[in-house]
Amino acid sequence: MIQISEPITLEKLLPLIHKLPKAEREQLRESLEVESQLDAAILLYQEDKVSLARAAELAGIHRFEFEEALAARGILRIVEVDSAEASKARISTIKRLHKSNPNK
């Protein structure tokens, strides 16, 4: 693999890439494509244009892997939930329904 000790321009990078064996060049190309897909999916997710599940699908990875990628980049996932009172009211309704119909 190429080790870079200073910022490098595209003009300097291309000749180094061309020196790589064909298999390594292909691996680098695929890696860049995967990262580009992931970056695009994260951007769409951050802009609320796609859901988390759809963004993961666009990135070509599992939803849990996508969540890990977000966390690795310091991107917080905000989840909206009902208030405690609303949740308690729903739970009470479910309990009442179960008591009134114990066979199910």
PDB file of N, CA and C in Angstrom:
ATOM      1  N   MET A   1       0.836  -1.169   0.000  1.00  0.00           N
ATOM      2  CA  MET A   1       0.000   0.000   0.000  1.00  0.00           C
ATOM      3  C   MET A   1       0.888   1.241   0.000  1.00  0.00           C
ATOM      4  N   ILE A   2       0.377   2.330  -0.526  1.00  0.00           N
ATOM      5  CA  ILE A   2       1.112   3.588  -0.610  1.00  0.00           C
ATOM      6  C   ILE A   2       1.008   4.319   0.727  1.00  0.00           C
ATOM      7  N   GLN A   3       2.136   4.806   1.231  1.00  0.00           N
ATOM      8  CA  GLN A   3       2.127   5.618   2.444  1.00  0.00           C
ATOM      9  C   GLN A   3       2.411   7.057   2.060  1.00  0.00           C
ATOM     10  N   ILE A   4       1.578   7.961   2.554  1.00  0.00           N
ATOM     11  CA  ILE A   4       1.691   9.376   2.201  1.00  0.00           C
ATOM     12  C   ILE A   4       2.018  10.158   3.465  1.00  0.00           C
ATOM     13  N   SER A   5       3.099  10.951   3.406  1.00  0.00           N
ATOM     14  CA  SER A   5       3.527  11.695   4.593  1.00  0.00           C
ATOM     15  C   SER A   5       3.137  13.167   4.512  1.00  0.00           C
ATOM     16  N   GLU A   6       2.686  13.631   3.372  1.00  0.00           N
ATOM     17  CA  GLU A   6       2.303  15.032   3.217  1.00  0.00           C
ATOM     18  C   GLU A   6       1.064  15.105   2.334  1.00  0.00           C
ATOM     19  N   PRO A   7       0.350  16.236   2.370  1.00  0.00           N
ATOM     20  CA  PRO A   7      -0.808  16.364   1.483  1.00  0.00           C
ATOM     21  C   PRO A   7      -0.382  16.160   0.036  1.00  0.00           C
ATOM     22  N   ILE A   8      -1.241  15.500  -0.710  1.00  0.00           N
ATOM     23  CA  ILE A   8      -0.870  15.160  -2.078  1.00  0.00           C
ATOM     24  C   ILE A   8      -1.952  15.633  -3.031  1.00  0.00           C
ATOM     25  N   THR A   9      -1.518  16.098  -4.181  1.00  0.00           N
ATOM     26  CA  THR A   9      -2.464  16.561  -5.199  1.00  0.00           C
ATOM     27  C   THR A   9      -2.822  15.397  -6.113  1.00  0.00           C
ATOM     28  N   LEU A  10      -3.892  15.568  -6.845  1.00  0.00           N
ATOM     29  CA  LEU A  10      -4.320  14.540  -7.789  1.00  0.00           C
ATOM     30  C   LEU A  10      -3.245  14.290  -8.847  1.00  0.00           C
ATOM     31  N   GLU A  11      -2.560  15.349  -9.254  1.00  0.00           N
ATOM     32  CA  GLU A  11      -1.496  15.213 -10.257  1.00  0.00           C
ATOM     33  C   GLU A  11      -0.360  14.313  -9.760  1.00  0.00           C
ATOM     34  N   LYS A  12      -0.073  14.370  -8.459  1.00  0.00           N
ATOM     35  CA  LYS A  12       0.960  13.514  -7.882  1.00  0.00           C
ATOM     36  C   LYS A  12       0.440  12.111  -7.611  1.00  0.00           C
ATOM     37  N   LEU A  13      -0.845  12.001  -7.303  1.00  0.00           N
ATOM     38  CA  LEU A  13      -1.429  10.724  -6.930  1.00  0.00           C
ATOM     39  C   LEU A  13      -1.630   9.789  -8.120  1.00  0.00           C
ATOM     40  N   LEU A  14      -2.071  10.323  -9.235  1.00  0.00           N
ATOM     41  CA  LEU A  14      -2.370   9.472 -10.397  1.00  0.00           C
ATOM     42  C   LEU A  14      -1.186   8.627 -10.857  1.00  0.00           C
ATOM     43  N   PRO A  15       0.025   9.198 -10.982  1.00  0.00           N
ATOM     44  CA  PRO A  15       1.158   8.347 -11.373  1.00  0.00           C
ATOM     45  C   PRO A  15       1.439   7.225 -10.372  1.00  0.00           C
ATOM     46  N   LEU A  16       1.230   7.512  -9.079  1.00  0.00           N
ATOM     47  CA  LEU A  16       1.431   6.475  -8.064  1.00  0.00           C
ATOM     48  C   LEU A  16       0.400   5.357  -8.217  1.00  0.00           C
ATOM     49  N   ILE A  17      -0.827   5.735  -8.513  1.00  0.00           N
ATOM     50  CA  ILE A  17      -1.884   4.741  -8.710  1.00  0.00           C
ATOM     51  C   ILE A  17      -1.563   3.867  -9.920  1.00  0.00           C
ATOM     52  N   HIS A  18      -1.094   4.490 -10.981  1.00  0.00           N
ATOM     53  CA  HIS A  18      -0.767   3.731 -12.193  1.00  0.00           C
ATOM     54  C   HIS A  18       0.385   2.754 -11.971  1.00  0.00           C
ATOM     55  N   LYS A  19       1.219   2.991 -10.977  1.00  0.00           N
ATOM     56  CA  LYS A  19       2.325   2.080 -10.667  1.00  0.00           C
ATOM     57  C   LYS A  19       1.864   0.840  -9.903  1.00  0.00           C
ATOM     58  N   LEU A  20       0.680   0.916  -9.319  1.00  0.00           N
ATOM     59  CA  LEU A  20       0.161  -0.229  -8.563  1.00  0.00           C
ATOM     60  C   LEU A  20      -0.134  -1.399  -9.499  1.00  0.00           C
ATOM     61  N   PRO A  21       0.013  -2.614  -9.003  1.00  0.00           N
ATOM     62  CA  PRO A  21      -0.403  -3.768  -9.812  1.00  0.00           C
ATOM     63  C   PRO A  21      -1.899  -3.661 -10.123  1.00  0.00           C
ATOM     64  N   LYS A  22      -2.312  -4.261 -11.210  1.00  0.00           N
ATOM     65  CA  LYS A  22      -3.695  -4.158 -11.680  1.00  0.00           C
ATOM     66  C   LYS A  22      -4.694  -4.571 -10.595  1.00  0.00           C
ATOM     67  N   ALA A  23      -4.438  -5.640  -9.881  1.00  0.00           N
ATOM     68  CA  ALA A  23      -5.358  -6.111  -8.843  1.00  0.00           C
ATOM     69  C   ALA A  23      -5.520  -5.067  -7.734  1.00  0.00           C
ATOM     70  N   GLU A  24      -4.422  -4.423  -7.355  1.00  0.00           N
ATOM     71  CA  GLU A  24      -4.491  -3.393  -6.319  1.00  0.00           C
ATOM     72  C   GLU A  24      -5.212  -2.146  -6.812  1.00  0.00           C
ATOM     73  N   ARG A  25      -5.010  -1.798  -8.084  1.00  0.00           N
ATOM     74  CA  ARG A  25      -5.741  -0.663  -8.667  1.00  0.00           C
ATOM     75  C   ARG A  25      -7.238  -0.937  -8.652  1.00  0.00           C
ATOM     76  N   GLU A  26      -7.627  -2.147  -9.011  1.00  0.00           N
ATOM     77  CA  GLU A  26      -9.038  -2.523  -9.025  1.00  0.00           C
ATOM     78  C   GLU A  26      -9.612  -2.488  -7.607  1.00  0.00           C
ATOM     79  N   GLN A  27      -8.854  -2.987  -6.661  1.00  0.00           N
ATOM     80  CA  GLN A  27      -9.293  -2.972  -5.264  1.00  0.00           C
ATOM     81  C   GLN A  27      -9.465  -1.525  -4.776  1.00  0.00           C
ATOM     82  N   LEU A  28      -8.560  -0.650  -5.139  1.00  0.00           N
ATOM     83  CA  LEU A  28      -8.646   0.762  -4.771  1.00  0.00           C
ATOM     84  C   LEU A  28      -9.877   1.402  -5.402  1.00  0.00           C
ATOM     85  N   ARG A  29     -10.132   1.113  -6.660  1.00  0.00           N
ATOM     86  CA  ARG A  29     -11.301   1.659  -7.354  1.00  0.00           C
ATOM     87  C   ARG A  29     -12.589   1.222  -6.665  1.00  0.00           C
ATOM     88  N   GLU A  30     -12.666  -0.074  -6.351  1.00  0.00           N
ATOM     89  CA  GLU A  30     -13.863  -0.599  -5.675  1.00  0.00           C
ATOM     90  C   GLU A  30     -14.037   0.034  -4.296  1.00  0.00           C
ATOM     91  N   SER A  31     -12.954   0.192  -3.590  1.00  0.00           N
ATOM     92  CA  SER A  31     -13.007   0.802  -2.268  1.00  0.00           C
ATOM     93  C   SER A  31     -13.509   2.245  -2.351  1.00  0.00           C
ATOM     94  N   LEU A  32     -13.027   2.980  -3.334  1.00  0.00           N
ATOM     95  CA  LEU A  32     -13.469   4.364  -3.516  1.00  0.00           C
ATOM     96  C   LEU A  32     -14.945   4.427  -3.898  1.00  0.00           C
ATOM     97  N   GLU A  33     -15.400   3.483  -4.720  1.00  0.00           N
ATOM     98  CA  GLU A  33     -16.813   3.441  -5.091  1.00  0.00           C
ATOM     99  C   GLU A  33     -17.691   3.185  -3.869  1.00  0.00           C
ATOM    100  N   VAL A  34     -17.271   2.244  -3.028  1.00  0.00           N
ATOM    101  CA  VAL A  34     -18.030   1.924  -1.820  1.00  0.00           C
ATOM    102  C   VAL A  34     -18.095   3.147  -0.905  1.00  0.00           C
ATOM    103  N   GLU A  35     -16.972   3.815  -0.707  1.00  0.00           N
ATOM    104  CA  GLU A  35     -16.948   5.005   0.147  1.00  0.00           C
ATOM    105  C   GLU A  35     -17.805   6.120  -0.440  1.00  0.00           C
ATOM    106  N   SER A  36     -17.782   6.272  -1.762  1.00  0.00           N
ATOM    107  CA  SER A  36     -18.602   7.301  -2.409  1.00  0.00           C
ATOM    108  C   SER A  36     -20.078   7.002  -2.225  1.00  0.00           C
ATOM    109  N   GLN A  37     -20.456   5.740  -2.369  1.00  0.00           N
ATOM    110  CA  GLN A  37     -21.844   5.343  -2.156  1.00  0.00           C
ATOM    111  C   GLN A  37     -22.257   5.635  -0.726  1.00  0.00           C
ATOM    112  N   LEU A  38     -21.399   5.296   0.213  1.00  0.00           N
ATOM    113  CA  LEU A  38     -21.698   5.521   1.624  1.00  0.00           C
ATOM    114  C   LEU A  38     -21.824   7.015   1.907  1.00  0.00           C
ATOM    115  N   ASP A  39     -20.902   7.815   1.390  1.00  0.00           N
ATOM    116  CA  ASP A  39     -20.953   9.261   1.600  1.00  0.00           C
ATOM    117  C   ASP A  39     -22.245   9.854   1.036  1.00  0.00           C
ATOM    118  N   ALA A  40     -22.629   9.412  -0.155  1.00  0.00           N
ATOM    119  CA  ALA A  40     -23.859   9.910  -0.776  1.00  0.00           C
ATOM    120  C   ALA A  40     -25.081   9.513   0.050  1.00  0.00           C
ATOM    121  N   ALA A  41     -25.105   8.278   0.524  1.00  0.00           N
ATOM    122  CA  ALA A  41     -26.235   7.806   1.334  1.00  0.00           C
ATOM    123  C   ALA A  41     -26.324   8.575   2.646  1.00  0.00           C
ATOM    124  N   ILE A  42     -25.188   8.844   3.271  1.00  0.00           N
ATOM    125  CA  ILE A  42     -25.180   9.611   4.523  1.00  0.00           C
ATOM    126  C   ILE A  42     -25.699  11.023   4.277  1.00  0.00           C
ATOM    127  N   LEU A  43     -25.279  11.628   3.191  1.00  0.00           N
ATOM    128  CA  LEU A  43     -25.737  12.981   2.874  1.00  0.00           C
ATOM    129  C   LEU A  43     -27.252  13.008   2.670  1.00  0.00           C
ATOM    130  N   LEU A  44     -27.769  12.046   1.923  1.00  0.00           N
ATOM    131  CA  LEU A  44     -29.220  11.981   1.707  1.00  0.00           C
ATOM    132  C   LEU A  44     -29.962  11.776   3.029  1.00  0.00           C
ATOM    133  N   TYR A  45     -29.409  10.939   3.888  1.00  0.00           N
ATOM    134  CA  TYR A  45     -30.022  10.693   5.202  1.00  0.00           C
ATOM    135  C   TYR A  45     -29.999  11.964   6.055  1.00  0.00           C
ATOM    136  N   GLN A  46     -28.869  12.654   6.079  1.00  0.00           N
ATOM    137  CA  GLN A  46     -28.745  13.866   6.876  1.00  0.00           C
ATOM    138  C   GLN A  46     -29.704  14.956   6.395  1.00  0.00           C
ATOM    139  N   GLU A  47     -29.975  14.978   5.111  1.00  0.00           N
ATOM    140  CA  GLU A  47     -30.878  15.985   4.545  1.00  0.00           C
ATOM    141  C   GLU A  47     -32.342  15.549   4.623  1.00  0.00           C
ATOM    142  N   ASP A  48     -32.601  14.438   5.308  1.00  0.00           N
ATOM    143  CA  ASP A  48     -33.965  13.895   5.470  1.00  0.00           C
ATOM    144  C   ASP A  48     -34.629  13.571   4.133  1.00  0.00           C
ATOM    145  N   LYS A  49     -33.833  13.208   3.155  1.00  0.00           N
ATOM    146  CA  LYS A  49     -34.398  12.853   1.849  1.00  0.00           C
ATOM    147  C   LYS A  49     -34.702  11.365   1.760  1.00  0.00           C
ATOM    148  N   VAL A  50     -34.046  10.573   2.614  1.00  0.00           N
ATOM    149  CA  VAL A  50     -34.307   9.137   2.676  1.00  0.00           C
ATOM    150  C   VAL A  50     -34.292   8.689   4.127  1.00  0.00           C
ATOM    151  N   SER A  51     -34.966   7.576   4.374  1.00  0.00           N
ATOM    152  CA  SER A  51     -34.962   7.002   5.723  1.00  0.00           C
ATOM    153  C   SER A  51     -33.615   6.335   5.986  1.00  0.00           C
ATOM    154  N   LEU A  52     -33.401   5.974   7.236  1.00  0.00           N
ATOM    155  CA  LEU A  52     -32.169   5.283   7.600  1.00  0.00           C
ATOM    156  C   LEU A  52     -32.063   3.956   6.846  1.00  0.00           C
ATOM    157  N   ALA A  53     -33.162   3.215   6.790  1.00  0.00           N
ATOM    158  CA  ALA A  53     -33.147   1.922   6.099  1.00  0.00           C
ATOM    159  C   ALA A  53     -32.848   2.091   4.611  1.00  0.00           C
ATOM    160  N   ARG A  54     -33.452   3.104   3.990  1.00  0.00           N
ATOM    161  CA  ARG A  54     -33.220   3.346   2.555  1.00  0.00           C
ATOM    162  C   ARG A  54     -31.781   3.800   2.317  1.00  0.00           C
ATOM    163  N   ALA A  55     -31.257   4.629   3.195  1.00  0.00           N
ATOM    164  CA  ALA A  55     -29.867   5.084   3.059  1.00  0.00           C
ATOM    165  C   ALA A  55     -28.913   3.903   3.139  1.00  0.00           C
ATOM    166  N   ALA A  56     -29.177   2.989   4.075  1.00  0.00           N
ATOM    167  CA  ALA A  56     -28.333   1.798   4.190  1.00  0.00           C
ATOM    168  C   ALA A  56     -28.410   0.970   2.917  1.00  0.00           C
ATOM    169  N   GLU A  57     -29.612   0.849   2.378  1.00  0.00           N
ATOM    170  CA  GLU A  57     -29.784   0.103   1.126  1.00  0.00           C
ATOM    171  C   GLU A  57     -29.010   0.756  -0.011  1.00  0.00           C
ATOM    172  N   LEU A  58     -29.076   2.076  -0.110  1.00  0.00           N
ATOM    173  CA  LEU A  58     -28.335   2.796  -1.147  1.00  0.00           C
ATOM    174  C   LEU A  58     -26.826   2.630  -0.984  1.00  0.00           C
ATOM    175  N   ALA A  59     -26.388   2.555   0.265  1.00  0.00           N
ATOM    176  CA  ALA A  59     -24.959   2.372   0.542  1.00  0.00           C
ATOM    177  C   ALA A  59     -24.520   0.930   0.303  1.00  0.00           C
ATOM    178  N   GLY A  60     -25.506   0.032   0.197  1.00  0.00           N
ATOM    179  CA  GLY A  60     -25.177  -1.376  -0.046  1.00  0.00           C
ATOM    180  C   GLY A  60     -24.736  -2.120   1.196  1.00  0.00           C
ATOM    181  N   ILE A  61     -25.184  -1.634   2.360  1.00  0.00           N
ATOM    182  CA  ILE A  61     -24.803  -2.280   3.615  1.00  0.00           C
ATOM    183  C   ILE A  61     -26.046  -2.484   4.484  1.00  0.00           C
ATOM    184  N   HIS A  62     -25.900  -3.278   5.529  1.00  0.00           N
ATOM    185  CA  HIS A  62     -26.987  -3.534   6.464  1.00  0.00           C
ATOM    186  C   HIS A  62     -27.252  -2.278   7.287  1.00  0.00           C
ATOM    187  N   ARG A  63     -28.480  -2.143   7.756  1.00  0.00           N
ATOM    188  CA  ARG A  63     -28.869  -0.975   8.545  1.00  0.00           C
ATOM    189  C   ARG A  63     -27.965  -0.782   9.762  1.00  0.00           C
ATOM    190  N   PHE A  64     -27.609  -1.882  10.433  1.00  0.00           N
ATOM    191  CA  PHE A  64     -26.745  -1.768  11.605  1.00  0.00           C
ATOM    192  C   PHE A  64     -25.349  -1.270  11.219  1.00  0.00           C
ATOM    193  N   GLU A  65     -24.843  -1.711  10.078  1.00  0.00           N
ATOM    194  CA  GLU A  65     -23.543  -1.221   9.603  1.00  0.00           C
ATOM    195  C   GLU A  65     -23.629   0.272   9.283  1.00  0.00           C
ATOM    196  N   PHE A  66     -24.774   0.682   8.722  1.00  0.00           N
ATOM    197  CA  PHE A  66     -24.960   2.098   8.403  1.00  0.00           C
ATOM    198  C   PHE A  66     -24.965   2.929   9.682  1.00  0.00           C
ATOM    199  N   GLU A  67     -25.640   2.422  10.716  1.00  0.00           N
ATOM    200  CA  GLU A  67     -25.649   3.122  12.002  1.00  0.00           C
ATOM    201  C   GLU A  67     -24.234   3.228  12.565  1.00  0.00           C
ATOM    202  N   GLU A  68     -23.441   2.176  12.408  1.00  0.00           N
ATOM    203  CA  GLU A  68     -22.050   2.208  12.864  1.00  0.00           C
ATOM    204  C   GLU A  68     -21.245   3.249  12.088  1.00  0.00           C
ATOM    205  N   ALA A  69     -21.504   3.346  10.781  1.00  0.00           N
ATOM    206  CA  ALA A  69     -20.808   4.340   9.954  1.00  0.00           C
ATOM    207  C   ALA A  69     -21.172   5.751  10.396  1.00  0.00           C
ATOM    208  N   LEU A  70     -22.438   5.963  10.732  1.00  0.00           N
ATOM    209  CA  LEU A  70     -22.849   7.271  11.237  1.00  0.00           C
ATOM    210  C   LEU A  70     -22.123   7.592  12.544  1.00  0.00           C
ATOM    211  N   ALA A  71     -22.113   6.623  13.449  1.00  0.00           N
ATOM    212  CA  ALA A  71     -21.454   6.824  14.742  1.00  0.00           C
ATOM    213  C   ALA A  71     -19.963   7.084  14.566  1.00  0.00           C
ATOM    214  N   ALA A  72     -19.330   6.366  13.660  1.00  0.00           N
ATOM    215  CA  ALA A  72     -17.891   6.537  13.427  1.00  0.00           C
ATOM    216  C   ALA A  72     -17.571   7.942  12.925  1.00  0.00           C
ATOM    217  N   ARG A  73     -18.533   8.543  12.254  1.00  0.00           N
ATOM    218  CA  ARG A  73     -18.340   9.906  11.737  1.00  0.00           C
ATOM    219  C   ARG A  73     -18.878  10.964  12.688  1.00  0.00           C
ATOM    220  N   GLY A  74     -19.329  10.522  13.847  1.00  0.00           N
ATOM    221  CA  GLY A  74     -19.838  11.473  14.837  1.00  0.00           C
ATOM    222  C   GLY A  74     -21.198  12.040  14.491  1.00  0.00           C
ATOM    223  N   ILE A  75     -21.952  11.351  13.653  1.00  0.00           N
ATOM    224  CA  ILE A  75     -23.276  11.805  13.257  1.00  0.00           C
ATOM    225  C   ILE A  75     -24.292  11.171  14.195  1.00  0.00           C
ATOM    226  N   LEU A  76     -24.993  12.012  14.919  1.00  0.00           N
ATOM    227  CA  LEU A  76     -25.975  11.530  15.877  1.00  0.00           C
ATOM    228  C   LEU A  76     -27.273  11.158  15.164  1.00  0.00           C
ATOM    229  N   ARG A  77     -27.882  10.108  15.644  1.00  0.00           N
ATOM    230  CA  ARG A  77     -29.172   9.677  15.113  1.00  0.00           C
ATOM    231  C   ARG A  77     -30.227  10.095  16.126  1.00  0.00           C
ATOM    232  N   ILE A  78     -31.081  11.025  15.742  1.00  0.00           N
ATOM    233  CA  ILE A  78     -32.105  11.528  16.643  1.00  0.00           C
ATOM    234  C   ILE A  78     -33.395  10.761  16.387  1.00  0.00           C
ATOM    235  N   VAL A  79     -33.935  10.224  17.465  1.00  0.00           N
ATOM    236  CA  VAL A  79     -35.166   9.444  17.384  1.00  0.00           C
ATOM    237  C   VAL A  79     -36.230  10.167  18.193  1.00  0.00           C
ATOM    238  N   GLU A  80     -37.348  10.459  17.549  1.00  0.00           N
ATOM    239  CA  GLU A  80     -38.439  11.124  18.247  1.00  0.00           C
ATOM    240  C   GLU A  80     -39.355  10.071  18.844  1.00  0.00           C
ATOM    241  N   VAL A  81     -39.726  10.282  20.092  1.00  0.00           N
ATOM    242  CA  VAL A  81     -40.624   9.357  20.780  1.00  0.00           C
ATOM    243  C   VAL A  81     -41.738  10.153  21.447  1.00  0.00           C
ATOM    244  N   ASP A  82     -42.816   9.441  21.779  1.00  0.00           N
ATOM    245  CA  ASP A  82     -43.917  10.070  22.497  1.00  0.00           C
ATOM    246  C   ASP A  82     -43.479  10.403  23.921  1.00  0.00           C
ATOM    247  N   SER A  83     -44.253  11.251  24.549  1.00  0.00           N
ATOM    248  CA  SER A  83     -43.985  11.581  25.949  1.00  0.00           C
ATOM    249  C   SER A  83     -44.250  10.350  26.807  1.00  0.00           C
ATOM    250  N   ALA A  84     -43.764  10.382  28.021  1.00  0.00           N
ATOM    251  CA  ALA A  84     -43.980   9.271  28.954  1.00  0.00           C
ATOM    252  C   ALA A  84     -45.468   9.092  29.223  1.00  0.00           C
ATOM    253  N   GLU A  85     -46.182  10.192  29.318  1.00  0.00           N
ATOM    254  CA  GLU A  85     -47.622  10.122  29.580  1.00  0.00           C
ATOM    255  C   GLU A  85     -48.356   9.433  28.430  1.00  0.00           C
ATOM    256  N   ALA A  86     -48.018   9.788  27.207  1.00  0.00           N
ATOM    257  CA  ALA A  86     -48.665   9.178  26.042  1.00  0.00           C
ATOM    258  C   ALA A  86     -48.342   7.685  25.971  1.00  0.00           C
ATOM    259  N   SER A  87     -47.104   7.328  26.275  1.00  0.00           N
ATOM    260  CA  SER A  87     -46.715   5.908  26.271  1.00  0.00           C
ATOM    261  C   SER A  87     -47.479   5.139  27.342  1.00  0.00           C
ATOM    262  N   LYS A  88     -47.593   5.723  28.537  1.00  0.00           N
ATOM    263  CA  LYS A  88     -48.334   5.069  29.622  1.00  0.00           C
ATOM    264  C   LYS A  88     -49.802   4.883  29.243  1.00  0.00           C
ATOM    265  N   ALA A  89     -50.381   5.870  28.582  1.00  0.00           N
ATOM    266  CA  ALA A  89     -51.782   5.772  28.163  1.00  0.00           C
ATOM    267  C   ALA A  89     -51.968   4.630  27.170  1.00  0.00           C
ATOM    268  N   ARG A  90     -51.027   4.491  26.231  1.00  0.00           N
ATOM    269  CA  ARG A  90     -51.116   3.395  25.257  1.00  0.00           C
ATOM    270  C   ARG A  90     -50.953   2.039  25.936  1.00  0.00           C
ATOM    271  N   ILE A  91     -50.049   1.962  26.873  1.00  0.00           N
ATOM    272  CA  ILE A  91     -49.828   0.706  27.606  1.00  0.00           C
ATOM    273  C   ILE A  91     -51.090   0.330  28.387  1.00  0.00           C
ATOM    274  N   SER A  92     -51.699   1.324  29.005  1.00  0.00           N
ATOM    275  CA  SER A  92     -52.947   1.066  29.755  1.00  0.00           C
ATOM    276  C   SER A  92     -54.029   0.544  28.827  1.00  0.00           C
ATOM    277  N   THR A  93     -54.154   1.106  27.662  1.00  0.00           N
ATOM    278  CA  THR A  93     -55.150   0.661  26.681  1.00  0.00           C
ATOM    279  C   THR A  93     -54.881  -0.785  26.277  1.00  0.00           C
ATOM    280  N   ILE A  94     -53.621  -1.111  26.012  1.00  0.00           N
ATOM    281  CA  ILE A  94     -53.261  -2.479  25.611  1.00  0.00           C
ATOM    282  C   ILE A  94     -53.581  -3.459  26.733  1.00  0.00           C
ATOM    283  N   LYS A  95     -53.240  -3.088  27.971  1.00  0.00           N
ATOM    284  CA  LYS A  95     -53.529  -3.963  29.115  1.00  0.00           C
ATOM    285  C   LYS A  95     -55.028  -4.175  29.262  1.00  0.00           C
ATOM    286  N   ARG A  96     -55.799  -3.114  29.117  1.00  0.00           N
ATOM    287  CA  ARG A  96     -57.249  -3.208  29.235  1.00  0.00           C
ATOM    288  C   ARG A  96     -57.821  -4.124  28.156  1.00  0.00           C
ATOM    289  N   LEU A  97     -57.319  -4.011  26.941  1.00  0.00           N
ATOM    290  CA  LEU A  97     -57.792  -4.860  25.840  1.00  0.00           C
ATOM    291  C   LEU A  97     -57.448  -6.325  26.093  1.00  0.00           C
ATOM    292  N   HIS A  98     -56.266  -6.558  26.635  1.00  0.00           N
ATOM    293  CA  HIS A  98     -55.875  -7.950  26.941  1.00  0.00           C
ATOM    294  C   HIS A  98     -56.734  -8.543  28.043  1.00  0.00           C
ATOM    295  N   LYS A  99     -57.071  -7.752  29.040  1.00  0.00           N
ATOM    296  CA  LYS A  99     -57.929  -8.239  30.136  1.00  0.00           C
ATOM    297  C   LYS A  99     -59.346  -8.546  29.641  1.00  0.00           C
ATOM    298  N   SER A 100     -59.834  -7.728  28.710  1.00  0.00           N
ATOM    299  CA  SER A 100     -61.199  -7.935  28.220  1.00  0.00           C
ATOM    300  C   SER A 100     -61.301  -9.083  27.239  1.00  0.00           C
ATOM    301  N   ASN A 101     -60.154  -9.533  26.694  1.00  0.00           N
ATOM    302  CA  ASN A 101     -60.147 -10.640  25.731  1.00  0.00           C
ATOM    303  C   ASN A 101     -58.983 -11.567  26.086  1.00  0.00           C
ATOM    304  N   PRO A 102     -59.099 -12.359  27.152  1.00  0.00           N
ATOM    305  CA  PRO A 102     -57.971 -13.173  27.642  1.00  0.00           C
ATOM    306  C   PRO A 102     -57.611 -14.344  26.737  1.00  0.00           C
ATOM    307  N   ASN A 103     -58.439 -14.726  25.785  1.00  0.00           N
ATOM    308  CA  ASN A 103     -58.154 -15.868  24.925  1.00  0.00           C
ATOM    309  C   ASN A 103     -57.132 -15.546  23.847  1.00  0.00           C
ATOM    310  N   LYS A 104     -56.866 -14.298  23.597  1.00  0.00           N
ATOM    311  CA  LYS A 104     -55.939 -13.946  22.508  1.00  0.00           C
ATOM    312  C   LYS A 104     -54.638 -13.447  22.983  1.00  0.00           C
TER     313      LYS A 104
END
